Amino acid sequence: FISVGEFDSSLLKGHDEVNQLEEQIN
C-alpha cells in the first residue's frame, strides 16, 4: 500500500502538525 499525506494550508502551523499527519497516514 502506497499512501501519501497531502500537506495543505490547514496544516501549515508547525512541526507537531506534520508529525500528527504522519502518524495518521501510518
PDB file of all heavy atoms in Angstrom:
ATOM      1  N   PHE A   1       0.847  -1.197   0.000  1.00  0.00           N
ATOM      2  CA  PHE A   1       0.000   0.000   0.000  1.00  0.00           C
ATOM      3  C   PHE A   1       0.882   1.248   0.000  1.00  0.00           C
ATOM      4  O   PHE A   1       1.777   1.385   0.839  1.00  0.00           O
ATOM      5  CB  PHE A   1      -0.909   0.015   1.231  1.00  0.00           C
ATOM      6  CG  PHE A   1      -1.903  -1.107   1.265  1.00  0.00           C
ATOM      7  CD1 PHE A   1      -1.614  -2.286   1.947  1.00  0.00           C
ATOM      8  CD2 PHE A   1      -3.109  -0.997   0.599  1.00  0.00           C
ATOM      9  CE1 PHE A   1      -2.523  -3.330   1.968  1.00  0.00           C
ATOM     10  CE2 PHE A   1      -4.025  -2.042   0.615  1.00  0.00           C
ATOM     11  CZ  PHE A   1      -3.731  -3.214   1.300  1.00  0.00           C
ATOM     12  N   ILE A   2       0.639   2.107  -0.962  1.00  0.00           N
ATOM     13  CA  ILE A   2       1.345   3.386  -1.025  1.00  0.00           C
ATOM     14  C   ILE A   2       0.367   4.490  -0.643  1.00  0.00           C
ATOM     15  O   ILE A   2      -0.708   4.616  -1.237  1.00  0.00           O
ATOM     16  CB  ILE A   2       1.912   3.654  -2.438  1.00  0.00           C
ATOM     17  CG1 ILE A   2       3.019   2.656  -2.761  1.00  0.00           C
ATOM     18  CG2 ILE A   2       2.442   5.077  -2.536  1.00  0.00           C
ATOM     19  CD1 ILE A   2       3.642   2.871  -4.129  1.00  0.00           C
ATOM     20  N   SER A   3       0.744   5.253   0.355  1.00  0.00           N
ATOM     21  CA  SER A   3      -0.120   6.340   0.818  1.00  0.00           C
ATOM     22  C   SER A   3       0.712   7.595   1.027  1.00  0.00           C
ATOM     23  O   SER A   3       1.776   7.546   1.649  1.00  0.00           O
ATOM     24  CB  SER A   3      -0.822   5.947   2.119  1.00  0.00           C
ATOM     25  OG  SER A   3      -1.671   6.980   2.565  1.00  0.00           O
ATOM     26  N   VAL A   4       0.228   8.715   0.507  1.00  0.00           N
ATOM     27  CA  VAL A   4       0.920   9.992   0.649  1.00  0.00           C
ATOM     28  C   VAL A   4       0.013  10.971   1.395  1.00  0.00           C
ATOM     29  O   VAL A   4      -1.139  11.178   1.000  1.00  0.00           O
ATOM     30  CB  VAL A   4       1.304  10.584  -0.730  1.00  0.00           C
ATOM     31  CG1 VAL A   4       1.868  11.992  -0.569  1.00  0.00           C
ATOM     32  CG2 VAL A   4       2.314   9.684  -1.413  1.00  0.00           C
ATOM     33  N   GLY A   5       0.535  11.530   2.436  1.00  0.00           N
ATOM     34  CA  GLY A   5      -0.194  12.555   3.169  1.00  0.00           C
ATOM     35  C   GLY A   5      -0.038  13.898   2.496  1.00  0.00           C
ATOM     36  O   GLY A   5       1.084  14.349   2.237  1.00  0.00           O
ATOM     37  N   GLU A   6      -1.167  14.504   2.171  1.00  0.00           N
ATOM     38  CA  GLU A   6      -1.135  15.797   1.485  1.00  0.00           C
ATOM     39  C   GLU A   6      -1.019  16.907   2.522  1.00  0.00           C
ATOM     40  O   GLU A   6      -1.884  17.088   3.369  1.00  0.00           O
ATOM     41  CB  GLU A   6      -2.388  15.983   0.641  1.00  0.00           C
ATOM     42  CG  GLU A   6      -2.356  17.244  -0.192  1.00  0.00           C
ATOM     43  CD  GLU A   6      -3.555  17.338  -1.111  1.00  0.00           C
ATOM     44  OE1 GLU A   6      -4.499  16.543  -0.949  1.00  0.00           O
ATOM     45  OE2 GLU A   6      -3.542  18.203  -2.000  1.00  0.00           O
ATOM     46  N   PHE A   7       0.050  17.663   2.408  1.00  0.00           N
ATOM     47  CA  PHE A   7       0.313  18.741   3.359  1.00  0.00           C
ATOM     48  C   PHE A   7      -0.316  20.015   2.815  1.00  0.00           C
ATOM     49  O   PHE A   7       0.237  20.668   1.942  1.00  0.00           O
ATOM     50  CB  PHE A   7       1.825  18.910   3.529  1.00  0.00           C
ATOM     51  CG  PHE A   7       2.200  19.796   4.680  1.00  0.00           C
ATOM     52  CD1 PHE A   7       2.256  19.292   5.958  1.00  0.00           C
ATOM     53  CD2 PHE A   7       2.471  21.139   4.474  1.00  0.00           C
ATOM     54  CE1 PHE A   7       2.596  20.104   7.019  1.00  0.00           C
ATOM     55  CE2 PHE A   7       2.810  21.957   5.526  1.00  0.00           C
ATOM     56  CZ  PHE A   7       2.874  21.434   6.807  1.00  0.00           C
ATOM     57  N   ASP A   8      -1.519  20.363   3.323  1.00  0.00           N
ATOM     58  CA  ASP A   8      -2.210  21.540   2.808  1.00  0.00           C
ATOM     59  C   ASP A   8      -2.094  22.702   3.786  1.00  0.00           C
ATOM     60  O   ASP A   8      -1.442  22.611   4.821  1.00  0.00           O
ATOM     61  CB  ASP A   8      -3.665  21.226   2.465  1.00  0.00           C
ATOM     62  CG  ASP A   8      -4.487  20.819   3.686  1.00  0.00           C
ATOM     63  OD1 ASP A   8      -4.051  21.107   4.823  1.00  0.00           O
ATOM     64  OD2 ASP A   8      -5.547  20.211   3.509  1.00  0.00           O
ATOM     65  N   SER A   9      -2.756  23.813   3.450  1.00  0.00           N
ATOM     66  CA  SER A   9      -2.600  25.042   4.219  1.00  0.00           C
ATOM     67  C   SER A   9      -3.129  24.925   5.639  1.00  0.00           C
ATOM     68  O   SER A   9      -2.678  25.635   6.531  1.00  0.00           O
ATOM     69  CB  SER A   9      -3.320  26.194   3.509  1.00  0.00           C
ATOM     70  OG  SER A   9      -4.703  25.914   3.410  1.00  0.00           O
ATOM     71  N   SER A  10      -4.087  24.037   5.879  1.00  0.00           N
ATOM     72  CA  SER A  10      -4.626  23.899   7.227  1.00  0.00           C
ATOM     73  C   SER A  10      -3.612  23.300   8.190  1.00  0.00           C
ATOM     74  O   SER A  10      -3.763  23.399   9.406  1.00  0.00           O
ATOM     75  CB  SER A  10      -5.880  23.018   7.195  1.00  0.00           C
ATOM     76  OG  SER A  10      -5.555  21.694   6.787  1.00  0.00           O
ATOM     77  N   LEU A  11      -2.562  22.669   7.657  1.00  0.00           N
ATOM     78  CA  LEU A  11      -1.520  22.070   8.492  1.00  0.00           C
ATOM     79  C   LEU A  11      -0.264  22.918   8.551  1.00  0.00           C
ATOM     80  O   LEU A  11       0.715  22.538   9.185  1.00  0.00           O
ATOM     81  CB  LEU A  11      -1.158  20.678   7.962  1.00  0.00           C
ATOM     82  CG  LEU A  11      -2.304  19.660   7.928  1.00  0.00           C
ATOM     83  CD1 LEU A  11      -1.857  18.400   7.208  1.00  0.00           C
ATOM     84  CD2 LEU A  11      -2.765  19.323   9.328  1.00  0.00           C
ATOM     85  N   LEU A  12      -0.276  24.078   7.894  1.00  0.00           N
ATOM     86  CA  LEU A  12       0.910  24.924   7.842  1.00  0.00           C
ATOM     87  C   LEU A  12       1.013  25.745   9.124  1.00  0.00           C
ATOM     88  O   LEU A  12       0.889  26.960   9.130  1.00  0.00           O
ATOM     89  CB  LEU A  12       0.858  25.845   6.623  1.00  0.00           C
ATOM     90  CG  LEU A  12       2.161  26.587   6.265  1.00  0.00           C
ATOM     91  CD1 LEU A  12       3.282  25.608   6.012  1.00  0.00           C
ATOM     92  CD2 LEU A  12       1.944  27.481   5.054  1.00  0.00           C
ATOM     93  N   LYS A  13       1.221  25.045  10.233  1.00  0.00           N
ATOM     94  CA  LYS A  13       1.283  25.702  11.538  1.00  0.00           C
ATOM     95  C   LYS A  13       2.592  25.393  12.259  1.00  0.00           C
ATOM     96  O   LYS A  13       3.181  26.269  12.879  1.00  0.00           O
ATOM     97  CB  LYS A  13       0.097  25.255  12.404  1.00  0.00           C
ATOM     98  CG  LYS A  13      -1.255  25.629  11.810  1.00  0.00           C
ATOM     99  CD  LYS A  13      -2.399  25.070  12.644  1.00  0.00           C
ATOM    100  CE  LYS A  13      -3.743  25.410  12.023  1.00  0.00           C
ATOM    101  NZ  LYS A  13      -4.872  24.821  12.770  1.00  0.00           N
ATOM    102  N   GLY A  14       3.039  24.148  12.199  1.00  0.00           N
ATOM    103  CA  GLY A  14       4.260  23.809  12.900  1.00  0.00           C
ATOM    104  C   GLY A  14       4.621  22.346  12.701  1.00  0.00           C
ATOM    105  O   GLY A  14       3.904  21.578  12.051  1.00  0.00           O
ATOM    106  N   HIS A  15       5.743  21.947  13.308  1.00  0.00           N
ATOM    107  CA  HIS A  15       6.257  20.593  13.119  1.00  0.00           C
ATOM    108  C   HIS A  15       5.352  19.556  13.776  1.00  0.00           C
ATOM    109  O   HIS A  15       5.267  18.407  13.307  1.00  0.00           O
ATOM    110  CB  HIS A  15       7.663  20.505  13.694  1.00  0.00           C
ATOM    111  CG  HIS A  15       8.395  19.258  13.309  1.00  0.00           C
ATOM    112  ND1 HIS A  15       8.649  18.918  11.998  1.00  0.00           N
ATOM    113  CD2 HIS A  15       8.905  18.248  14.061  1.00  0.00           C
ATOM    114  CE1 HIS A  15       9.301  17.768  11.958  1.00  0.00           C
ATOM    115  NE2 HIS A  15       9.458  17.350  13.198  1.00  0.00           N
ATOM    116  N   ASP A  16       4.656  19.919  14.865  1.00  0.00           N
ATOM    117  CA  ASP A  16       3.777  18.962  15.539  1.00  0.00           C
ATOM    118  C   ASP A  16       2.663  18.496  14.613  1.00  0.00           C
ATOM    119  O   ASP A  16       2.283  17.317  14.623  1.00  0.00           O
ATOM    120  CB  ASP A  16       3.177  19.592  16.802  1.00  0.00           C
ATOM    121  CG  ASP A  16       4.221  19.831  17.881  1.00  0.00           C
ATOM    122  OD1 ASP A  16       5.293  19.194  17.808  1.00  0.00           O
ATOM    123  OD2 ASP A  16       3.965  20.654  18.782  1.00  0.00           O
ATOM    124  N   GLU A  17       2.127  19.417  13.810  1.00  0.00           N
ATOM    125  CA  GLU A  17       1.066  19.048  12.881  1.00  0.00           C
ATOM    126  C   GLU A  17       1.570  18.060  11.830  1.00  0.00           C
ATOM    127  O   GLU A  17       0.845  17.167  11.406  1.00  0.00           O
ATOM    128  CB  GLU A  17       0.500  20.294  12.188  1.00  0.00           C
ATOM    129  CG  GLU A  17      -0.445  21.125  13.031  1.00  0.00           C
ATOM    130  CD  GLU A  17       0.261  21.907  14.122  1.00  0.00           C
ATOM    131  OE1 GLU A  17       1.499  22.030  14.038  1.00  0.00           O
ATOM    132  OE2 GLU A  17      -0.409  22.403  15.041  1.00  0.00           O
ATOM    133  N   VAL A  18       2.833  18.219  11.420  1.00  0.00           N
ATOM    134  CA  VAL A  18       3.424  17.287  10.457  1.00  0.00           C
ATOM    135  C   VAL A  18       3.519  15.892  11.064  1.00  0.00           C
ATOM    136  O   VAL A  18       3.177  14.886  10.430  1.00  0.00           O
ATOM    137  CB  VAL A  18       4.816  17.777  10.012  1.00  0.00           C
ATOM    138  CG1 VAL A  18       5.460  16.769   9.067  1.00  0.00           C
ATOM    139  CG2 VAL A  18       4.712  19.128   9.338  1.00  0.00           C
ATOM    140  N   ASN A  19       3.980  15.810  12.319  1.00  0.00           N
ATOM    141  CA  ASN A  19       4.087  14.509  12.990  1.00  0.00           C
ATOM    142  C   ASN A  19       2.720  13.844  13.139  1.00  0.00           C
ATOM    143  O   ASN A  19       2.584  12.630  12.961  1.00  0.00           O
ATOM    144  CB  ASN A  19       4.735  14.687  14.364  1.00  0.00           C
ATOM    145  CG  ASN A  19       6.203  15.073  14.269  1.00  0.00           C
ATOM    146  OD1 ASN A  19       6.861  14.764  13.273  1.00  0.00           O
ATOM    147  ND2 ASN A  19       6.719  15.741  15.276  1.00  0.00           N
ATOM    148  N   GLN A  20       1.705  14.630  13.488  1.00  0.00           N
ATOM    149  CA  GLN A  20       0.362  14.076  13.632  1.00  0.00           C
ATOM    150  C   GLN A  20      -0.149  13.534  12.305  1.00  0.00           C
ATOM    151  O   GLN A  20      -0.787  12.474  12.258  1.00  0.00           O
ATOM    152  CB  GLN A  20      -0.586  15.147  14.167  1.00  0.00           C
ATOM    153  CG  GLN A  20      -0.312  15.557  15.606  1.00  0.00           C
ATOM    154  CD  GLN A  20      -1.168  16.727  16.052  1.00  0.00           C
ATOM    155  OE1 GLN A  20      -2.086  17.139  15.348  1.00  0.00           O
ATOM    156  NE2 GLN A  20      -0.867  17.281  17.217  1.00  0.00           N
ATOM    157  N   LEU A  21       0.136  14.249  11.217  1.00  0.00           N
ATOM    158  CA  LEU A  21      -0.293  13.783   9.900  1.00  0.00           C
ATOM    159  C   LEU A  21       0.395  12.473   9.539  1.00  0.00           C
ATOM    160  O   LEU A  21      -0.241  11.541   9.036  1.00  0.00           O
ATOM    161  CB  LEU A  21       0.006  14.850   8.846  1.00  0.00           C
ATOM    162  CG  LEU A  21      -0.354  14.500   7.400  1.00  0.00           C
ATOM    163  CD1 LEU A  21      -1.836  14.197   7.269  1.00  0.00           C
ATOM    164  CD2 LEU A  21       0.055  15.628   6.454  1.00  0.00           C
ATOM    165  N   GLU A  22       1.696  12.377   9.806  1.00  0.00           N
ATOM    166  CA  GLU A  22       2.426  11.140   9.504  1.00  0.00           C
ATOM    167  C   GLU A  22       1.879   9.970  10.310  1.00  0.00           C
ATOM    168  O   GLU A  22       1.736   8.857   9.796  1.00  0.00           O
ATOM    169  CB  GLU A  22       3.910  11.340   9.789  1.00  0.00           C
ATOM    170  CG  GLU A  22       4.636  12.172   8.741  1.00  0.00           C
ATOM    171  CD  GLU A  22       6.145  12.128   8.915  1.00  0.00           C
ATOM    172  OE1 GLU A  22       6.611  12.509   9.999  1.00  0.00           O
ATOM    173  OE2 GLU A  22       6.838  11.715   7.973  1.00  0.00           O
ATOM    174  N   GLU A  23       1.573  10.218  11.589  1.00  0.00           N
ATOM    175  CA  GLU A  23       1.018   9.149  12.424  1.00  0.00           C
ATOM    176  C   GLU A  23      -0.326   8.679  11.888  1.00  0.00           C
ATOM    177  O   GLU A  23      -0.619   7.476  11.886  1.00  0.00           O
ATOM    178  CB  GLU A  23       0.887   9.642  13.865  1.00  0.00           C
ATOM    179  CG  GLU A  23       2.216   9.859  14.575  1.00  0.00           C
ATOM    180  CD  GLU A  23       2.041  10.476  15.954  1.00  0.00           C
ATOM    181  OE1 GLU A  23       0.867  10.682  16.360  1.00  0.00           O
ATOM    182  OE2 GLU A  23       3.058  10.755  16.615  1.00  0.00           O
ATOM    183  N   GLN A  24      -1.155   9.626  11.428  1.00  0.00           N
ATOM    184  CA  GLN A  24      -2.458   9.260  10.893  1.00  0.00           C
ATOM    185  C   GLN A  24      -2.323   8.448   9.607  1.00  0.00           C
ATOM    186  O   GLN A  24      -3.043   7.464   9.398  1.00  0.00           O
ATOM    187  CB  GLN A  24      -3.280  10.529  10.621  1.00  0.00           C
ATOM    188  CG  GLN A  24      -4.677  10.267  10.090  1.00  0.00           C
ATOM    189  CD  GLN A  24      -5.529   9.504  11.086  1.00  0.00           C
ATOM    190  OE1 GLN A  24      -5.579   9.860  12.257  1.00  0.00           O
ATOM    191  NE2 GLN A  24      -6.189   8.443  10.628  1.00  0.00           N
ATOM    192  N   ILE A  25      -1.370   8.831   8.752  1.00  0.00           N
ATOM    193  CA  ILE A  25      -1.156   8.097   7.494  1.00  0.00           C
ATOM    194  C   ILE A  25      -0.720   6.664   7.789  1.00  0.00           C
ATOM    195  O   ILE A  25      -1.238   5.700   7.214  1.00  0.00           O
ATOM    196  CB  ILE A  25      -0.085   8.795   6.637  1.00  0.00           C
ATOM    197  CG1 ILE A  25      -0.565  10.183   6.227  1.00  0.00           C
ATOM    198  CG2 ILE A  25       0.242   7.985   5.395  1.00  0.00           C
ATOM    199  CD1 ILE A  25       0.552  11.046   5.693  1.00  0.00           C
ATOM    200  N   ASN A  26       0.240   6.504   8.692  1.00  0.00           N
ATOM    201  CA  ASN A  26       0.732   5.164   9.029  1.00  0.00           C
ATOM    202  C   ASN A  26      -0.358   4.316   9.668  1.00  0.00           C
ATOM    203  O   ASN A  26      -0.480   3.112   9.394  1.00  0.00           O
ATOM    204  CB  ASN A  26       1.930   5.272   9.969  1.00  0.00           C
ATOM    205  CG  ASN A  26       3.149   5.874   9.288  1.00  0.00           C
ATOM    206  OD1 ASN A  26       3.300   5.765   8.069  1.00  0.00           O
ATOM    207  ND2 ASN A  26       4.009   6.515  10.054  1.00  0.00           N
TER     208      ASN A  26
END
